Amino acid sequence: RDKFREIGFKGWSEVEVLEYMLYNVYRQGDTNPIAHRLLQYSGHNIVELMRQVNDVNMMDKIPGVGENTLMFLQSLKEFMDFYHKKELVYTPIKYEIHNILDIIEYVEFDPGRESLVMLCADEQSYIRAIVDLTEQGGSLQASTTKSAISKAVALHKASGVIFIHNHPTGVMLPSYMDVFTTAQMESFLAQEHVVVLDHVIVSGNKARS
């Protein structure tokens, strides 16, 4: 605790950070073994670990991981996602083609499936909200997605939107359907006086407009 008060997490290893955070669950006892087992489960990658915290089978796969540990990690992950989205609201980033990779850092994608996200921008192209459309049909063609888009645009008073979706296959080229549905959405949103500023394809740490 003294080390954290002095320098925060600067210079700490992933296992040290995780070990410290787990003190919130295990007030007494050594958290080092469980921290090591959690990181070993995720291939010694704390980012991958946080992506897997919603796996309810984690308790069966990792000795010592109980419901309290899993709930803590899930809450931590949800808080980080919540914080990133709110950070854009209170410290908005202006959308420009050259900084799209910076903006994507605020968006969480499931690497195992195609996801769809919409960024709502104001008249000056500052990002004001991130809307996950994956569970609303997952594609720009779905009627449930169009309904969710209309509601989000009205709620956030968007003047422009940026669609972002990931290609789990790693192929960065837009498909025929990507191009076709983007044109459809441009026409659909024009009726609401909203401009489609971009449609970005993401794979890993790469992005293509």
Protein backbone atom coordinates (compact mmCIF):
# COMPACT_ATOMS: atom_id res chain seq x y z
CA ARG A 1 0.00 0.00 0.00
CA ASP A 2 2.86 2.37 0.77
CA LYS A 3 4.37 1.65 -2.64
CA PHE A 4 1.04 2.40 -4.33
CA ARG A 5 0.64 5.67 -2.42
CA GLU A 6 4.13 6.69 -3.49
CA ILE A 7 4.17 5.83 -7.20
CA GLY A 8 0.81 4.30 -8.13
CA PHE A 9 1.18 1.39 -10.56
CA LYS A 10 4.20 2.88 -12.34
CA GLY A 11 6.79 0.19 -12.95
CA TRP A 12 4.65 -2.63 -11.55
CA SER A 13 4.35 -5.96 -13.29
CA GLU A 14 0.92 -7.27 -14.33
CA VAL A 15 0.92 -9.85 -11.56
CA GLU A 16 1.78 -7.19 -8.95
CA VAL A 17 -1.10 -4.98 -10.10
CA LEU A 18 -3.54 -7.89 -10.06
CA GLU A 19 -2.23 -9.05 -6.69
CA TYR A 20 -2.80 -5.58 -5.22
CA MET A 21 -6.31 -5.29 -6.66
CA LEU A 22 -7.29 -8.69 -5.27
CA TYR A 23 -6.69 -7.38 -1.76
CA ASN A 24 -10.17 -5.90 -2.16
CA VAL A 25 -11.50 -9.46 -2.13
CA TYR A 26 -8.98 -11.16 0.13
CA ARG A 27 -8.48 -8.75 3.04
CA GLN A 28 -6.29 -11.31 4.75
CA GLY A 29 -4.00 -13.84 3.19
CA ASP A 30 -1.60 -14.00 0.27
CA THR A 31 -3.12 -12.98 -3.08
CA ASN A 32 0.04 -13.77 -5.07
CA PRO A 33 -0.88 -17.41 -5.90
CA ILE A 34 -4.38 -16.58 -7.18
CA ALA A 35 -3.00 -13.63 -9.20
CA HIS A 36 -0.48 -15.96 -10.86
CA ARG A 37 -3.18 -18.56 -11.63
CA LEU A 38 -5.47 -15.93 -13.16
CA LEU A 39 -2.73 -14.62 -15.43
CA GLN A 40 -1.64 -18.12 -16.37
CA TYR A 41 -5.24 -18.86 -17.39
CA SER A 42 -5.20 -15.86 -19.74
CA GLY A 43 -1.80 -16.53 -21.26
CA HIS A 44 -0.07 -14.06 -18.93
CA ASN A 45 -2.03 -11.21 -20.52
CA ILE A 46 -4.06 -9.02 -18.17
CA VAL A 47 -6.02 -7.50 -21.06
CA GLU A 48 -7.09 -10.96 -22.21
CA LEU A 49 -7.99 -11.84 -18.62
CA MET A 50 -10.38 -8.89 -18.38
CA ARG A 51 -11.97 -9.93 -21.67
CA GLN A 52 -12.74 -13.35 -20.20
CA VAL A 53 -14.19 -12.34 -16.84
CA ASN A 54 -17.75 -13.00 -17.97
CA ASP A 55 -16.89 -16.67 -18.45
CA VAL A 56 -18.85 -18.28 -15.61
CA ASN A 57 -16.77 -21.43 -16.02
CA MET A 58 -13.72 -19.55 -14.79
CA MET A 59 -14.55 -20.69 -11.24
CA ASP A 60 -14.31 -24.32 -12.34
CA LYS A 61 -11.17 -23.81 -14.41
CA ILE A 62 -9.02 -21.89 -11.94
CA PRO A 63 -8.44 -23.29 -8.42
CA GLY A 64 -9.23 -20.74 -5.74
CA VAL A 65 -11.44 -18.51 -7.88
CA GLY A 66 -14.82 -18.19 -6.22
CA GLU A 67 -17.94 -16.16 -6.81
CA ASN A 68 -16.59 -13.10 -4.95
CA THR A 69 -13.41 -13.02 -7.04
CA LEU A 70 -15.32 -13.40 -10.29
CA MET A 71 -17.85 -10.73 -9.31
CA PHE A 72 -15.03 -8.34 -8.38
CA LEU A 73 -13.28 -8.82 -11.72
CA GLN A 74 -16.54 -8.41 -13.61
CA SER A 75 -17.32 -5.21 -11.69
CA LEU A 76 -13.81 -3.92 -12.38
CA LYS A 77 -14.22 -4.59 -16.10
CA GLU A 78 -17.63 -2.90 -16.20
CA PHE A 79 -16.24 0.11 -14.33
CA MET A 80 -13.38 0.49 -16.82
CA ASP A 81 -15.79 0.34 -19.77
CA PHE A 82 -18.11 2.82 -18.04
CA TYR A 83 -15.21 5.17 -17.30
CA HIS A 84 -13.92 5.13 -20.89
CA LYS A 85 -17.34 5.96 -22.27
CA LYS A 86 -17.87 8.77 -19.76
CA GLU A 87 -14.37 10.08 -20.43
CA LEU A 88 -15.43 10.83 -23.99
CA VAL A 89 -18.43 12.75 -22.70
CA TYR A 90 -16.49 14.94 -20.28
CA THR A 91 -13.29 15.19 -22.33
CA PRO A 92 -14.55 14.71 -25.88
CA ILE A 93 -12.22 13.85 -28.76
CA LYS A 94 -12.73 15.42 -32.15
CA TYR A 95 -13.20 12.88 -34.91
CA GLU A 96 -10.60 13.21 -37.63
CA ILE A 97 -9.43 10.49 -39.97
CA HIS A 98 -5.87 10.60 -38.64
CA ASN A 99 -6.88 9.96 -35.01
CA ILE A 100 -9.30 7.09 -35.52
CA LEU A 101 -6.93 4.66 -33.77
CA ASP A 102 -6.96 6.90 -30.69
CA ILE A 103 -10.76 6.88 -30.68
CA ILE A 104 -10.95 3.10 -31.13
CA GLU A 105 -9.06 2.67 -27.86
CA TYR A 106 -12.32 3.66 -26.14
CA VAL A 107 -14.26 0.89 -27.88
CA GLU A 108 -14.29 -2.71 -26.66
CA PHE A 109 -14.72 -5.46 -29.26
CA ASP A 110 -15.21 -9.18 -28.77
CA PRO A 111 -12.42 -10.63 -30.94
CA GLY A 112 -14.44 -13.78 -31.54
CA ARG A 113 -17.43 -12.25 -33.28
CA GLU A 114 -18.36 -9.34 -35.50
CA SER A 115 -19.55 -6.37 -33.46
CA LEU A 116 -21.10 -3.05 -34.42
CA VAL A 117 -20.60 0.26 -32.62
CA MET A 118 -21.82 3.76 -33.44
CA LEU A 119 -20.12 6.95 -32.28
CA CYS A 120 -22.38 9.98 -31.95
CA ALA A 121 -20.76 13.33 -32.80
CA ASP A 122 -21.85 16.92 -32.40
CA GLU A 123 -21.74 19.67 -35.04
CA GLN A 124 -17.99 20.14 -34.52
CA SER A 125 -17.39 16.37 -34.90
CA TYR A 126 -16.58 15.87 -31.21
CA ILE A 127 -17.52 12.38 -30.01
CA ARG A 128 -20.26 12.59 -27.41
CA ALA A 129 -21.36 8.99 -26.98
CA ILE A 130 -20.53 5.38 -27.84
CA VAL A 131 -23.49 3.16 -28.67
CA ASP A 132 -23.03 -0.61 -28.89
CA LEU A 133 -25.43 -1.93 -31.54
CA THR A 134 -24.23 -5.53 -31.49
CA GLU A 135 -27.14 -6.81 -29.44
CA GLN A 136 -29.60 -4.81 -31.56
CA GLY A 137 -29.18 -7.07 -34.55
CA GLY A 138 -25.44 -6.72 -35.07
CA SER A 139 -25.69 -5.38 -38.62
CA LEU A 140 -26.79 -2.18 -40.29
CA GLN A 141 -29.47 -4.13 -42.15
CA ALA A 142 -31.39 -5.23 -39.07
CA SER A 143 -34.59 -3.30 -38.38
CA THR A 144 -33.87 -3.43 -34.64
CA THR A 145 -30.53 -1.75 -35.35
CA LYS A 146 -32.19 1.08 -37.31
CA SER A 147 -34.61 1.65 -34.46
CA ALA A 148 -31.76 1.76 -31.93
CA ILE A 149 -29.83 4.17 -34.16
CA SER A 150 -32.77 6.57 -34.37
CA LYS A 151 -33.21 6.53 -30.60
CA ALA A 152 -29.49 7.05 -29.94
CA VAL A 153 -29.23 9.90 -32.46
CA ALA A 154 -32.15 11.68 -30.81
CA LEU A 155 -30.93 11.00 -27.26
CA HIS A 156 -27.42 12.32 -27.87
CA LYS A 157 -28.48 15.09 -30.28
CA ALA A 158 -26.03 13.76 -32.85
CA SER A 159 -25.26 15.76 -35.96
CA GLY A 160 -23.01 13.02 -37.31
CA VAL A 161 -22.19 9.39 -36.65
CA ILE A 162 -19.27 7.05 -37.22
CA PHE A 163 -19.95 3.35 -37.57
CA ILE A 164 -17.21 0.96 -36.45
CA HIS A 165 -17.28 -2.78 -36.79
CA ASN A 166 -14.63 -5.42 -36.40
CA HIS A 167 -13.63 -8.17 -38.80
CA PRO A 168 -12.59 -11.17 -36.64
CA THR A 169 -11.18 -12.83 -39.78
CA GLY A 170 -8.50 -10.16 -40.03
CA VAL A 171 -9.58 -9.14 -43.56
CA MET A 172 -9.43 -5.34 -43.69
CA LEU A 173 -11.18 -4.87 -47.03
CA PRO A 174 -14.84 -3.80 -46.88
CA SER A 175 -17.24 -6.39 -48.22
CA TYR A 176 -19.90 -5.61 -50.81
CA MET A 177 -22.44 -5.68 -47.97
CA ASP A 178 -20.37 -3.21 -45.94
CA VAL A 179 -20.45 -0.72 -48.82
CA PHE A 180 -24.11 -1.34 -49.63
CA THR A 181 -25.38 -0.99 -46.06
CA THR A 182 -23.29 2.13 -45.47
CA ALA A 183 -25.02 3.76 -48.46
CA GLN A 184 -28.37 2.64 -47.05
CA MET A 185 -27.61 4.20 -43.67
CA GLU A 186 -26.48 7.45 -45.28
CA SER A 187 -29.86 7.68 -46.97
CA PHE A 188 -31.74 6.61 -43.83
CA LEU A 189 -29.98 9.12 -41.56
CA ALA A 190 -30.19 11.95 -44.08
CA GLN A 191 -33.92 11.95 -43.42
CA GLU A 192 -33.06 12.81 -39.80
CA HIS A 193 -30.49 15.43 -40.88
CA VAL A 194 -27.60 13.33 -39.58
CA VAL A 195 -24.41 12.78 -41.57
CA VAL A 196 -22.51 9.48 -41.69
CA LEU A 197 -18.97 10.74 -41.18
CA ASP A 198 -17.28 7.38 -41.62
CA HIS A 199 -17.60 3.61 -41.50
CA VAL A 200 -14.45 2.07 -40.05
CA ILE A 201 -13.36 -1.56 -40.20
CA VAL A 202 -11.24 -2.76 -37.29
CA SER A 203 -9.11 -5.87 -36.86
CA GLY A 204 -6.71 -6.10 -33.95
CA ASN A 205 -4.84 -2.81 -33.73
CA LYS A 206 -5.51 -1.90 -37.36
CA ALA A 207 -8.29 0.25 -38.76
CA ARG A 208 -9.46 1.11 -42.27
CA SER A 209 -11.87 3.86 -43.23
